[in-house]
């Protein structure tokens, strides 16, 4: 089969080759592949004797598995923008009349076709697929500007499908879209727009974009800045990216501007297009990682709950895209990528492999290797246990117990009847944290190194802790814990950060999960409802330990809603008629 002539590349090609080497694509440019009119030809005896992989010999059919890798091709968008692409062909692709299922891989943010999915593309080709990948517009050698999954970015997926159907023996009846992170979001958005897409595998993506950028009205500066800087280094960002990123992190941004950003984000959110996905009942596979603070999984679970077609959801240990990349780039055995492969086999090849039958959710328990299933989401197997917070009261020395009282509040399944107000200020932070070093700490969690704290160290005036009694039996926490607080802010803006802990008998605690909510336009000194959803988790709390909650006003993961040096306080309110609660999903 003859593939089309590749386009001329810019003078930046040499720089990109070096980057490819650094990202484990050492041999991608090693041979003179992608020349004019190149065919996928049989290997010569010398090539067969020195064969390493198809990637090392572009345009040459593997003497071992019959696959062929070809690179240097161009997908042209509807506006004329040219994007780099490669393709893996299966055995027999040059035989007249044969058709094969095809999968389009869309590159992640700051990633490129020439390295990101090479391993998984080869595995799919070995299984009889045509697997092409392209670099999203604006990144690396692809022309144009990065539109952050805007309409033109979505249209580019259709242009890639057109290229595959025109230039390879792909079967128009069996086309899939797949990607990690940015590519995951675009895969879902494209499936809502292009009826040729028959199945989607979306890994480390998002449901609603503003849930990730400004979830519960709290900015996400650590990951927002990583996105911005990596995009600026590897691509050409639409100027609106810098504008909106700065606006979200600026405490003085007016509500009208935030509403403008919300509307911009809605157009880039798969959750906006659920009706289109459900109309065709597109089979959708979603994989998320538990420590992913860039795109937390609650947003994707919300999307998942609304889907009416075939669906599957995985929750794995790991930060953003960490779990999937070894399978995508290197082709290693990898649970989420292998399950995604099975999903494509079911809906593009018609294999009755059972992946679409039975439980819809497949989760790994935190700090273990054990996976378990839930039938659907919301999960009927789970029950919500309500824990009531009670005020800590005045701080004093109790001679009868020879101990201090009032240093922490209570946490009990019995309804609180005490009135009171627990105050905290933002003058200083507490020892409660999502991790001393952002990203590195959560990466440690992914490999079994928990974030620890000693709860008695929480400063009395700057944070509040609530602790329950020791458990008589283990507690299996599954899902999204929800705090429902009554809060009085001292001024129009402020924030509460919440940490849920597994506390041992001596006060040493392991962070289970966390969450934050900010307020920007409140009436000062007026009590308001203040719900906080914590990050999705699956955690087993052992007997003899107890639950602990710490509330404070700052964390490196969450952006401050006030200017540097601006003081505020937040009071947690209690009465006999209204109480602050923790709604804990348990199994």
Protein backbone atom coordinates (compact mmCIF):
# COMPACT_ATOMS: atom_id res chain seq x y z
CA UNK A 1 0.00 0.00 0.00
CA UNK A 2 1.34 3.46 -0.92
CA UNK A 3 0.98 6.17 1.69
CA UNK A 4 0.75 9.89 0.83
CA UNK A 5 3.80 12.11 0.56
CA UNK A 6 4.74 13.74 3.89
CA UNK A 7 4.83 17.51 4.14
CA UNK A 8 8.01 19.53 4.49
CA UNK A 9 8.82 20.32 8.08
CA UNK A 10 10.07 23.55 9.56
CA UNK A 11 13.56 24.37 10.71
CA UNK A 12 12.54 23.42 14.26
CA UNK A 13 12.69 19.75 13.28
CA UNK A 14 16.17 19.23 14.67
CA UNK A 15 15.06 20.52 18.09
CA UNK A 16 12.05 18.19 18.06
CA UNK A 17 14.29 15.24 17.21
CA UNK A 18 16.31 15.89 20.35
CA UNK A 19 13.13 16.08 22.40
CA UNK A 20 11.97 12.79 20.93
CA UNK A 21 15.22 11.16 22.02
CA UNK A 22 14.74 12.50 25.52
CA UNK A 23 11.28 10.95 25.69
CA UNK A 24 12.37 7.42 24.79
CA UNK A 25 11.76 7.61 21.05
CA UNK A 26 15.45 7.03 20.43
CA UNK A 27 15.10 5.42 17.06
CA UNK A 28 12.16 7.28 15.58
CA UNK A 29 14.26 9.37 13.22
CA UNK A 30 17.05 6.84 12.80
CA UNK A 31 16.20 5.76 9.24
CA UNK A 32 15.20 7.69 6.13
CA UNK A 33 11.51 6.82 6.43
CA UNK A 34 8.65 9.05 5.40
CA UNK A 35 10.30 9.88 2.07
CA UNK A 36 8.28 10.61 -1.04
CA UNK A 37 6.09 7.70 -2.15
CA UNK A 38 7.34 5.31 0.51
CA UNK A 39 5.69 1.90 0.59
CA UNK A 40 5.37 -0.50 3.44
CA UNK A 41 7.77 -2.98 1.97
CA UNK A 42 9.16 -6.31 3.24
CA UNK A 43 12.34 -6.20 5.28
CA UNK A 44 15.59 -7.04 3.56
CA UNK A 45 17.62 -9.96 4.99
CA UNK A 46 19.93 -7.48 6.74
CA UNK A 47 16.97 -5.54 8.17
CA UNK A 48 15.35 -8.75 9.36
CA UNK A 49 18.59 -9.88 11.01
CA UNK A 50 18.99 -6.58 12.87
CA UNK A 51 15.30 -5.97 13.55
CA UNK A 52 14.37 -4.20 16.78
CA UNK A 53 10.90 -2.77 16.17
CA UNK A 54 8.82 -1.18 13.42
CA UNK A 55 9.54 2.24 14.93
CA UNK A 56 13.24 1.74 14.20
CA UNK A 57 12.46 0.99 10.53
CA UNK A 58 9.66 3.27 9.33
CA UNK A 59 8.04 2.06 6.12
CA UNK A 60 9.35 -1.50 6.55
CA UNK A 61 7.05 -4.41 7.38
CA UNK A 62 8.10 -6.26 10.52
CA UNK A 63 9.39 -9.77 9.74
CA UNK A 64 7.99 -10.89 13.11
CA UNK A 65 4.46 -9.55 13.42
CA UNK A 66 3.74 -8.04 10.00
CA UNK A 67 3.06 -4.53 11.35
CA UNK A 68 4.41 -1.40 9.71
CA UNK A 69 5.09 2.02 11.21
CA UNK A 70 5.00 5.09 8.96
CA UNK A 71 5.63 8.64 10.07
CA UNK A 72 6.02 12.19 8.76
CA UNK A 73 2.44 12.60 7.54
CA UNK A 74 0.11 15.55 7.74
CA UNK A 75 -3.50 15.99 8.80
CA UNK A 76 -4.99 19.18 7.39
CA UNK A 77 -7.69 20.90 9.43
CA UNK A 78 -10.76 22.51 7.89
CA UNK A 79 -9.03 25.88 8.18
CA UNK A 80 -5.87 24.67 6.43
CA UNK A 81 -3.78 24.16 9.59
CA UNK A 82 -1.36 21.24 9.17
CA UNK A 83 -0.74 18.76 11.99
CA UNK A 84 1.91 16.05 12.19
CA UNK A 85 0.79 12.43 12.29
CA UNK A 86 1.99 8.84 12.16
CA UNK A 87 0.29 5.51 11.64
CA UNK A 88 0.77 1.86 12.56
CA UNK A 89 -0.61 -0.66 10.07
CA UNK A 90 -1.48 -4.30 10.85
CA UNK A 91 -0.38 -7.42 9.00
CA UNK A 92 -2.05 -7.60 5.60
CA UNK A 93 -2.80 -3.89 5.31
CA UNK A 94 -1.49 -3.81 1.74
CA UNK A 95 -3.71 -6.67 0.58
CA UNK A 96 -6.41 -5.39 -1.81
CA UNK A 97 -9.95 -5.27 -0.48
CA UNK A 98 -9.16 -5.77 3.21
CA UNK A 99 -10.55 -3.44 5.87
CA UNK A 100 -9.49 -3.00 9.49
CA UNK A 101 -10.88 -1.22 12.54
CA UNK A 102 -9.17 2.12 13.08
CA UNK A 103 -8.33 4.18 16.16
CA UNK A 104 -7.32 7.84 16.21
CA UNK A 105 -5.11 8.87 19.13
CA UNK A 106 -5.10 12.58 20.00
CA UNK A 107 -1.99 13.90 21.73
CA UNK A 108 -2.03 15.14 25.30
CA UNK A 109 -1.27 18.71 26.27
CA UNK A 110 2.44 19.38 25.60
CA UNK A 111 2.87 15.88 24.09
CA UNK A 112 3.29 14.74 20.50
CA UNK A 113 2.42 11.93 18.13
CA UNK A 114 6.06 10.94 17.63
CA UNK A 115 6.36 9.49 21.12
CA UNK A 116 3.21 9.48 23.27
CA UNK A 117 1.20 6.49 22.00
CA UNK A 118 3.84 4.52 20.09
CA UNK A 119 3.72 1.49 22.39
CA UNK A 120 -0.06 1.19 22.44
CA UNK A 121 -0.33 1.83 18.69
CA UNK A 122 1.99 -1.10 18.06
CA UNK A 123 -0.01 -3.36 20.35
CA UNK A 124 -3.22 -2.44 18.56
CA UNK A 125 -1.60 -2.99 15.16
CA UNK A 126 -0.49 -6.44 16.32
CA UNK A 127 -4.13 -7.07 17.15
CA UNK A 128 -5.37 -6.10 13.70
CA UNK A 129 -5.99 -2.35 14.06
CA UNK A 130 -4.94 0.68 12.11
CA UNK A 131 -3.71 3.00 14.86
CA UNK A 132 -2.87 6.55 13.88
CA UNK A 133 -1.83 9.41 16.16
CA UNK A 134 -1.59 13.12 15.53
CA UNK A 135 -0.22 16.09 17.44
CA UNK A 136 -2.97 18.52 18.40
CA UNK A 137 -2.81 21.90 16.72
CA UNK A 138 -0.45 24.42 18.24
CA UNK A 139 1.95 21.91 19.79
CA UNK A 140 5.43 21.04 18.51
CA UNK A 141 5.47 20.91 14.68
CA UNK A 142 1.71 21.11 14.28
CA UNK A 143 0.67 24.52 13.01
CA UNK A 144 -1.89 26.86 14.51
CA UNK A 145 -2.57 27.89 18.09
CA UNK A 146 -3.78 25.80 21.03
CA UNK A 147 -7.51 26.42 21.41
CA UNK A 148 -7.93 24.39 24.63
CA UNK A 149 -10.36 21.85 23.14
CA UNK A 150 -12.35 24.50 21.32
CA UNK A 151 -14.58 23.83 18.29
CA UNK A 152 -11.68 23.85 15.81
CA UNK A 153 -9.69 21.41 17.97
CA UNK A 154 -12.73 19.11 17.98
CA UNK A 155 -13.09 19.45 14.22
CA UNK A 156 -9.44 18.36 13.85
CA UNK A 157 -10.36 14.92 15.19
CA UNK A 158 -12.76 14.53 12.28
CA UNK A 159 -10.03 15.69 9.90
CA UNK A 160 -7.75 12.99 11.32
CA UNK A 161 -10.47 10.39 10.72
CA UNK A 162 -10.80 11.67 7.13
CA UNK A 163 -7.05 11.23 6.66
CA UNK A 164 -7.13 7.69 8.02
CA UNK A 165 -10.09 6.68 5.83
CA UNK A 166 -8.48 8.22 2.73
CA UNK A 167 -4.98 6.87 3.18
CA UNK A 168 -5.36 3.55 4.96
CA UNK A 169 -7.75 0.56 4.66
CA UNK A 170 -9.66 1.66 7.76
CA UNK A 171 -13.26 0.49 8.10
CA UNK A 172 -15.57 3.51 8.34
CA UNK A 173 -18.02 1.37 10.34
CA UNK A 174 -15.48 0.70 13.08
CA UNK A 175 -13.68 3.88 14.10
CA UNK A 176 -12.59 4.68 17.65
CA UNK A 177 -11.16 7.78 19.33
CA UNK A 178 -8.72 7.61 22.22
CA UNK A 179 -6.42 9.80 24.25
CA UNK A 180 -4.89 10.73 27.57
CA UNK A 181 -5.61 14.04 29.32
CA UNK A 182 -6.17 16.65 26.58
CA UNK A 183 -6.63 13.81 24.11
CA UNK A 184 -9.23 12.22 26.41
CA UNK A 185 -11.34 15.37 26.54
CA UNK A 186 -11.10 15.83 22.78
CA UNK A 187 -12.06 12.17 22.20
CA UNK A 188 -15.30 12.65 24.13
CA UNK A 189 -16.07 16.01 22.53
CA UNK A 190 -15.40 14.59 19.07
CA UNK A 191 -17.66 11.58 19.71
CA UNK A 192 -20.50 14.00 20.44
CA UNK A 193 -19.87 15.79 17.13
CA UNK A 194 -18.82 13.03 14.68
CA UNK A 195 -21.21 10.11 14.23
CA UNK A 196 -18.46 7.96 12.68
CA UNK A 197 -16.87 7.48 16.12
CA UNK A 198 -18.18 4.18 17.39
CA UNK A 199 -16.25 3.87 20.69
CA UNK A 200 -14.18 6.07 23.00
CA UNK A 201 -11.45 5.36 25.53
CA UNK A 202 -10.74 8.51 27.58
CA UNK A 203 -7.96 8.34 30.17
CA UNK A 204 -7.16 11.07 32.72
CA UNK A 205 -9.61 13.47 31.08
CA UNK A 206 -12.30 15.76 32.46
CA UNK A 207 -16.06 16.07 32.63
CA UNK A 208 -16.60 19.79 33.22
CA UNK A 209 -13.56 21.97 32.61
CA UNK A 210 -14.35 24.59 35.26
CA UNK A 211 -14.60 21.84 37.88
CA UNK A 212 -10.87 21.41 37.32
CA UNK A 213 -9.78 25.02 36.90
CA UNK A 214 -12.03 26.58 39.56
CA UNK A 215 -13.68 23.74 41.42
CA UNK A 216 -15.90 24.86 44.29
CA UNK A 217 -14.75 28.42 43.45
CA UNK A 218 -11.16 27.61 44.49
CA UNK A 219 -8.35 28.09 41.98
CA UNK A 220 -5.86 25.32 41.23
CA UNK A 221 -2.64 27.32 40.76
CA UNK A 222 -0.11 24.48 40.95
CA UNK A 223 -1.55 22.53 38.06
CA UNK A 224 -2.80 25.60 36.18
CA UNK A 225 0.72 27.00 36.09
CA UNK A 226 2.15 23.65 34.99
CA UNK A 227 -0.34 23.56 32.13
CA UNK A 228 0.42 27.12 31.12
CA UNK A 229 4.20 26.82 31.29
CA UNK A 230 4.38 23.43 29.54
CA UNK A 231 2.03 24.69 26.84
CA UNK A 232 4.07 27.85 26.35
CA UNK A 233 7.31 25.85 26.03
CA UNK A 234 6.01 23.18 23.63
CA UNK A 235 3.40 25.11 21.69
CA UNK A 236 1.69 28.35 20.78
CA UNK A 237 -1.16 29.13 23.15
CA UNK A 238 -4.17 31.22 22.31
CA UNK A 239 -3.61 34.50 24.23
CA UNK A 240 -6.88 33.87 26.05
CA UNK A 241 -5.18 31.03 27.97
CA UNK A 242 -2.83 33.45 29.74
CA UNK A 243 -5.67 35.91 30.30
CA UNK A 244 -8.03 33.38 31.84
CA UNK A 245 -5.33 31.62 33.86
CA UNK A 246 -4.34 34.93 35.46
CA UNK A 247 -7.97 35.93 36.03
CA UNK A 248 -8.82 32.70 37.86
CA UNK A 249 -5.87 33.16 40.21
CA UNK A 250 -6.49 36.85 40.84
CA UNK A 251 -8.60 37.47 43.99
CA UNK A 252 -9.84 40.77 42.55
CA UNK A 253 -11.33 39.28 39.38
CA UNK A 254 -15.00 40.36 39.17
CA UNK A 255 -17.82 37.85 39.04
CA UNK A 256 -18.69 38.90 35.48
CA UNK A 257 -15.25 37.76 34.31
CA UNK A 258 -15.58 34.43 36.12
CA UNK A 259 -18.98 33.92 34.46
CA UNK A 260 -17.34 34.63 31.09
CA UNK A 261 -14.72 31.96 31.79
CA UNK A 262 -17.42 29.52 32.86
CA UNK A 263 -19.18 29.97 29.51
CA UNK A 264 -15.88 29.47 27.68
CA UNK A 265 -15.24 26.32 29.71
CA UNK A 266 -18.73 24.91 29.10
CA UNK A 267 -18.07 24.79 25.36
CA UNK A 268 -15.00 22.68 26.14
CA UNK A 269 -16.72 20.27 28.54
CA UNK A 270 -17.93 16.79 27.52
CA UNK A 271 -20.65 17.10 30.18
CA UNK A 272 -22.24 19.85 28.08
CA UNK A 273 -22.76 17.35 25.25
CA UNK A 274 -24.12 14.37 27.18
CA UNK A 275 -27.38 14.45 25.18
CA UNK A 276 -25.49 13.94 21.91
CA UNK A 277 -23.44 11.08 23.37
CA UNK A 278 -26.58 9.43 24.75
CA UNK A 279 -28.53 9.86 21.54
CA UNK A 280 -26.15 7.45 19.82
CA UNK A 281 -25.35 5.56 23.04
CA UNK A 282 -21.64 5.84 22.32
CA UNK A 283 -19.71 3.16 24.26
CA UNK A 284 -17.45 5.14 26.59
CA UNK A 285 -14.54 3.88 28.69
CA UNK A 286 -13.15 6.31 31.30
CA UNK A 287 -10.04 5.81 33.41
CA UNK A 288 -9.02 8.18 36.19
CA UNK A 289 -6.29 8.31 38.83
CA UNK A 290 -6.99 8.80 42.53
CA UNK A 291 -4.22 11.35 43.20
CA UNK A 292 -4.96 13.37 40.05
CA UNK A 293 -5.28 16.90 41.43
CA UNK A 294 -5.17 18.41 37.94
CA UNK A 295 -8.41 16.71 36.84
CA UNK A 296 -10.02 15.25 39.96
CA UNK A 297 -12.28 12.29 39.28
CA UNK A 298 -15.54 13.64 40.74
CA UNK A 299 -16.18 15.66 37.58
CA UNK A 300 -15.73 12.57 35.40
CA UNK A 301 -17.93 10.51 37.74
CA UNK A 302 -20.67 13.11 37.36
CA UNK A 303 -20.42 12.80 33.58
CA UNK A 304 -20.32 9.01 33.84
CA UNK A 305 -23.50 8.94 35.92
CA UNK A 306 -25.37 10.71 33.11
CA UNK A 307 -24.31 8.36 30.30
CA UNK A 308 -26.95 5.89 29.14
CA UNK A 309 -24.92 3.86 26.65
CA UNK A 310 -22.34 1.14 27.36
CA UNK A 311 -19.83 2.50 29.86
CA UNK A 312 -16.97 1.55 32.14
CA UNK A 313 -15.06 3.53 34.79
CA UNK A 314 -11.66 2.71 36.30
CA UNK A 315 -10.07 4.45 39.30
CA UNK A 316 -6.36 3.77 39.74
CA UNK A 317 -3.57 4.99 42.01
CA UNK A 318 -1.49 7.77 40.51
CA UNK A 319 -1.26 11.44 39.69
CA UNK A 320 -2.37 12.90 36.37
CA UNK A 321 -1.64 10.51 33.45
CA UNK A 322 0.95 8.65 35.55
CA UNK A 323 -0.71 5.26 35.44
CA UNK A 324 -1.44 5.12 31.71
CA UNK A 325 1.80 6.41 30.18
CA UNK A 326 3.93 3.24 30.57
CA UNK A 327 1.37 1.35 28.51
CA UNK A 328 0.80 4.15 26.02
CA UNK A 329 4.41 5.09 25.29
CA UNK A 330 6.36 1.91 25.99
CA UNK A 331 3.68 -0.69 25.27
CA UNK A 332 4.13 -2.34 28.68
CA UNK A 333 1.42 -4.47 30.23
CA UNK A 334 -0.69 -1.84 31.94
CA UNK A 335 -4.09 -2.29 33.56
CA UNK A 336 -5.93 0.81 32.31
CA UNK A 337 -4.49 0.63 28.79
CA UNK A 338 -5.10 -3.11 28.58
CA UNK A 339 -8.72 -2.63 29.68
CA UNK A 340 -9.09 0.18 27.14
CA UNK A 341 -7.82 -2.24 24.49
CA UNK A 342 -10.46 -4.77 25.53
CA UNK A 343 -13.10 -2.03 25.25
CA UNK A 344 -12.07 -1.32 21.66
CA UNK A 345 -12.06 -5.04 20.88
CA UNK A 346 -15.62 -5.31 22.16
CA UNK A 347 -17.07 -2.44 20.17
CA UNK A 348 -14.84 -2.18 17.09
CA UNK A 349 -14.17 -5.90 16.53
CA UNK A 350 -17.32 -7.32 18.07
CA UNK A 351 -15.53 -9.57 20.55
CA UNK A 352 -17.84 -10.82 23.30
CA UNK A 353 -15.17 -10.43 25.98
CA UNK A 354 -17.52 -9.40 28.80
CA UNK A 355 -15.98 -6.01 29.55
CA UNK A 356 -19.34 -4.30 29.01
CA UNK A 357 -21.18 -6.78 31.22
CA UNK A 358 -21.50 -6.77 34.98
CA UNK A 359 -20.10 -4.02 37.27
CA UNK A 360 -19.54 -0.61 35.68
CA UNK A 361 -16.89 0.60 38.13
CA UNK A 362 -13.52 -0.98 38.84
CA UNK A 363 -11.53 0.71 41.62
CA UNK A 364 -8.24 0.05 43.38
CA UNK A 365 -8.27 0.57 47.14
CA UNK A 366 -5.79 3.22 48.29
CA UNK A 367 -2.45 1.91 49.62
CA UNK A 368 -3.23 -1.63 48.44
CA UNK A 369 -3.08 -3.73 45.32
CA UNK A 370 -6.68 -4.88 45.73
CA UNK A 371 -9.23 -3.94 43.11
CA UNK A 372 -12.97 -4.18 43.67
CA UNK A 373 -16.08 -3.38 41.69
CA UNK A 374 -19.30 -1.41 42.04
CA UNK A 375 -22.32 -2.10 39.89
CA UNK A 376 -22.87 1.50 38.75
CA UNK A 377 -22.59 5.12 39.77
CA UNK A 378 -24.25 6.20 41.97
CA UNK A 379 -23.58 2.80 43.50
CA UNK A 380 -26.46 0.97 45.20
CA UNK A 381 -23.92 -1.06 47.19
CA UNK A 382 -22.87 2.06 49.08
CA UNK A 383 -24.62 3.67 52.00
CA UNK A 384 -24.21 7.18 53.33
CA UNK A 385 -23.31 7.41 56.99
CA UNK A 386 -23.85 10.84 58.54
CA UNK A 387 -21.35 12.03 61.12
CA UNK A 388 -22.23 15.14 63.10
CA UNK A 389 -19.59 17.69 64.04
CA UNK A 390 -19.85 19.20 67.52
CA UNK A 391 -18.09 22.38 68.71
CA UNK A 392 -14.84 22.20 70.60
CA UNK A 393 -15.89 24.77 73.21
CA UNK A 394 -13.58 26.84 75.39
CA UNK A 395 -9.98 25.75 75.85
CA UNK A 396 -9.32 24.85 79.51
CA UNK A 397 -7.47 22.48 81.86
CA UNK A 398 -9.62 19.75 83.38
CA UNK A 399 -8.16 18.66 86.70
CA UNK A 400 -10.38 15.57 86.83
CA UNK A 401 -8.81 13.99 83.74
CA UNK A 402 -5.52 15.85 84.15
CA UNK A 403 -5.87 16.95 80.52
CA UNK A 404 -6.86 19.86 78.31
CA UNK A 405 -10.42 20.17 77.05
CA UNK A 406 -11.75 22.15 74.11
CA UNK A 407 -8.73 21.63 71.88
CA UNK A 408 -10.82 19.66 69.37
CA UNK A 409 -14.46 19.18 68.48
CA UNK A 410 -16.36 15.94 68.24
CA UNK A 411 -17.40 13.70 65.35
CA UNK A 412 -20.24 11.29 66.02
CA UNK A 413 -23.18 9.54 64.39
CA UNK A 414 -25.29 11.09 67.15
CA UNK A 415 -26.82 14.46 66.29
CA UNK A 416 -25.15 17.45 67.91
CA UNK A 417 -27.28 19.44 70.38
CA UNK A 418 -24.65 21.94 71.50
CA UNK A 419 -24.58 25.53 70.30
CA UNK A 420 -21.27 27.17 69.60
CA UNK A 421 -18.90 28.76 67.11
CA UNK A 422 -15.43 27.50 66.23
CA UNK A 423 -13.25 30.27 64.80
CA UNK A 424 -10.08 30.11 62.73
CA UNK A 425 -8.04 32.78 60.98
CA UNK A 426 -5.65 32.80 58.05
CA UNK A 427 -2.84 34.52 59.95
CA UNK A 428 -0.87 31.24 59.94
CA UNK A 429 -1.31 27.87 58.25
CA UNK A 430 -1.54 24.59 60.16
CA UNK A 431 0.36 21.33 59.89
CA UNK A 432 -2.53 19.87 57.87
CA UNK A 433 -1.57 19.76 54.21
CA UNK A 434 -2.15 17.87 50.97
CA UNK A 435 1.62 17.40 50.91
CA UNK A 436 4.70 19.39 51.82
CA UNK A 437 5.87 19.37 48.20
CA UNK A 438 3.02 19.68 45.66
CA UNK A 439 2.87 16.86 43.09
CA UNK A 440 5.83 15.03 44.66
CA UNK A 441 3.81 14.24 47.79
CA UNK A 442 0.84 12.91 45.82
CA UNK A 443 3.20 10.93 43.62
CA UNK A 444 4.46 9.37 46.83
CA UNK A 445 0.89 8.49 47.79
CA UNK A 446 0.57 6.72 44.46
CA UNK A 447 3.36 4.34 45.35
CA UNK A 448 2.28 3.76 48.94
CA UNK A 449 3.92 6.66 50.81
CA UNK A 450 1.11 8.41 52.68
CA UNK A 451 0.90 12.07 53.67
CA UNK A 452 1.17 12.02 57.48
CA UNK A 453 0.35 14.44 60.27
CA UNK A 454 0.23 14.59 64.05
CA UNK A 455 -3.21 16.01 64.76
CA UNK A 456 -2.46 17.56 68.17
CA UNK A 457 0.01 19.81 66.30
CA UNK A 458 -2.81 21.68 64.55
CA UNK A 459 -2.64 25.30 65.79
CA UNK A 460 -5.74 26.07 67.86
CA UNK A 461 -6.50 29.53 66.44
CA UNK A 462 -5.62 28.78 62.82
CA UNK A 463 -7.32 25.45 62.30
CA UNK A 464 -10.00 23.27 63.84
CA UNK A 465 -9.95 19.52 64.30
CA UNK A 466 -12.85 17.18 64.92
CA UNK A 467 -12.27 13.61 66.03
CA UNK A 468 -14.55 10.63 66.54
CA UNK A 469 -14.35 7.59 68.81
CA UNK A 470 -12.21 4.55 68.03
CA UNK A 471 -13.83 2.17 65.55
CA UNK A 472 -14.88 -1.23 66.75
CA UNK A 473 -14.69 -2.62 63.22
CA UNK A 474 -13.04 -1.56 59.92
CA UNK A 475 -14.67 1.18 57.88
CA UNK A 476 -14.61 0.97 54.07
CA UNK A 477 -14.85 4.48 52.62
CA UNK A 478 -15.84 4.52 48.94
CA UNK A 479 -16.67 7.57 46.87
CA UNK A 480 -16.91 11.31 47.52
CA UNK A 481 -17.11 12.37 51.19
CA UNK A 482 -19.16 15.54 51.60
CA UNK A 483 -18.91 18.14 54.35
CA UNK A 484 -21.98 20.29 54.92
CA UNK A 485 -20.94 23.22 57.07
CA UNK A 486 -22.58 26.37 58.37
CA UNK A 487 -19.98 29.12 58.10
CA UNK A 488 -19.78 32.81 58.95
CA UNK A 489 -17.04 34.60 56.97
CA UNK A 490 -15.58 37.77 58.44
CA UNK A 491 -15.56 39.45 55.05
CA UNK A 492 -16.74 38.93 51.49
CA UNK A 493 -14.00 36.43 50.61
CA UNK A 494 -12.35 33.54 52.35
CA UNK A 495 -11.73 29.79 52.12
CA UNK A 496 -12.03 26.57 54.07
CA UNK A 497 -9.73 23.65 53.29
CA UNK A 498 -10.86 20.28 54.66
CA UNK A 499 -8.74 17.19 55.35
CA UNK A 500 -10.12 13.75 56.23
CA UNK A 501 -7.73 11.61 58.28
CA UNK A 502 -7.28 8.06 59.50
CA UNK A 503 -6.11 8.73 63.07
CA UNK A 504 -4.22 6.17 65.12
CA UNK A 505 -4.47 5.80 68.92
CA UNK A 506 -1.53 8.15 69.55
CA UNK A 507 -2.76 10.95 67.27
CA UNK A 508 -0.60 10.17 64.24
CA UNK A 509 -2.77 10.42 61.15
CA UNK A 510 -2.80 9.40 57.48
CA UNK A 511 -4.46 11.71 54.99
CA UNK A 512 -7.40 9.95 53.32
CA UNK A 513 -8.65 12.76 51.10
CA UNK A 514 -9.14 16.52 50.98
CA UNK A 515 -11.15 19.34 49.42
CA UNK A 516 -11.60 23.11 49.51
CA UNK A 517 -14.24 25.74 48.86
CA UNK A 518 -13.72 29.47 48.50
CA UNK A 519 -16.18 32.33 48.73
CA UNK A 520 -15.63 35.60 46.87
CA UNK A 521 -18.79 37.68 47.07
CA UNK A 522 -20.35 36.81 50.44
CA UNK A 523 -22.04 39.22 52.83
CA UNK A 524 -19.58 39.77 55.70
CA UNK A 525 -20.64 38.22 59.04
CA UNK A 526 -23.69 36.55 57.49
CA UNK A 527 -23.92 32.77 58.12
CA UNK A 528 -24.18 30.69 54.95
CA UNK A 529 -24.40 27.05 53.92
CA UNK A 530 -20.92 25.91 52.95
CA UNK A 531 -20.74 22.43 51.34
CA UNK A 532 -17.33 20.95 50.49
CA UNK A 533 -16.93 17.86 48.31
CA UNK A 534 -13.71 15.98 49.05
CA UNK A 535 -11.73 14.17 46.36
CA UNK A 536 -12.96 10.70 45.41
CA UNK A 537 -11.31 7.92 47.37
CA UNK A 538 -11.43 4.22 48.20
CA UNK A 539 -9.88 3.69 51.62
CA UNK A 540 -10.05 1.09 54.39
CA UNK A 541 -9.85 2.53 57.90
CA UNK A 542 -8.85 -0.20 60.40
CA UNK A 543 -10.55 -1.03 63.69
CA UNK A 544 -9.03 0.77 66.66
CA UNK A 545 -8.38 3.90 64.59
CA UNK A 546 -10.78 6.81 64.32
CA UNK A 547 -11.88 9.47 61.86
CA UNK A 548 -10.45 12.95 62.07
CA UNK A 549 -11.29 16.14 60.19
CA UNK A 550 -9.08 19.22 60.12
CA UNK A 551 -10.33 22.53 58.76
CA UNK A 552 -8.04 25.44 57.98
CA UNK A 553 -7.77 28.31 55.55
CA UNK A 554 -4.82 27.60 53.22
CA UNK A 555 -3.03 24.89 51.26
CA UNK A 556 -0.39 25.04 48.55
CA UNK A 557 -2.67 23.10 46.19
CA UNK A 558 -5.50 25.63 46.37
CA UNK A 559 -5.25 29.28 45.39
CA UNK A 560 -5.91 31.88 48.06
CA UNK A 561 -9.06 33.98 47.51
CA UNK A 562 -7.42 37.03 49.11
CA UNK A 563 -4.42 39.26 48.42
CA UNK A 564 -1.12 38.53 50.14
CA UNK A 565 -1.31 39.78 53.71
CA UNK A 566 -5.10 40.21 53.68
CA UNK A 567 -6.65 38.75 56.83
CA UNK A 568 -9.90 36.86 57.17
CA UNK A 569 -11.52 34.45 59.59
CA UNK A 570 -14.09 31.70 59.13
CA UNK A 571 -16.41 30.61 61.94
CA UNK A 572 -18.00 27.15 61.93
CA UNK A 573 -21.46 27.50 63.46
CA UNK A 574 -23.43 25.02 65.57
CA UNK A 575 -26.90 24.96 67.06
CA UNK A 576 -29.47 22.42 68.19
CA UNK A 577 -31.55 22.98 65.03
CA UNK A 578 -28.83 23.09 62.37
CA UNK A 579 -25.62 21.11 62.44
CA UNK A 580 -22.47 20.70 60.38
CA UNK A 581 -22.10 17.16 59.07
CA UNK A 582 -19.82 14.76 57.24
CA UNK A 583 -21.65 12.52 54.78
CA UNK A 584 -19.43 9.50 54.36
CA UNK A 585 -20.09 6.92 51.61
CA UNK A 586 -19.26 3.49 52.99
CA UNK A 587 -19.49 -0.11 51.90
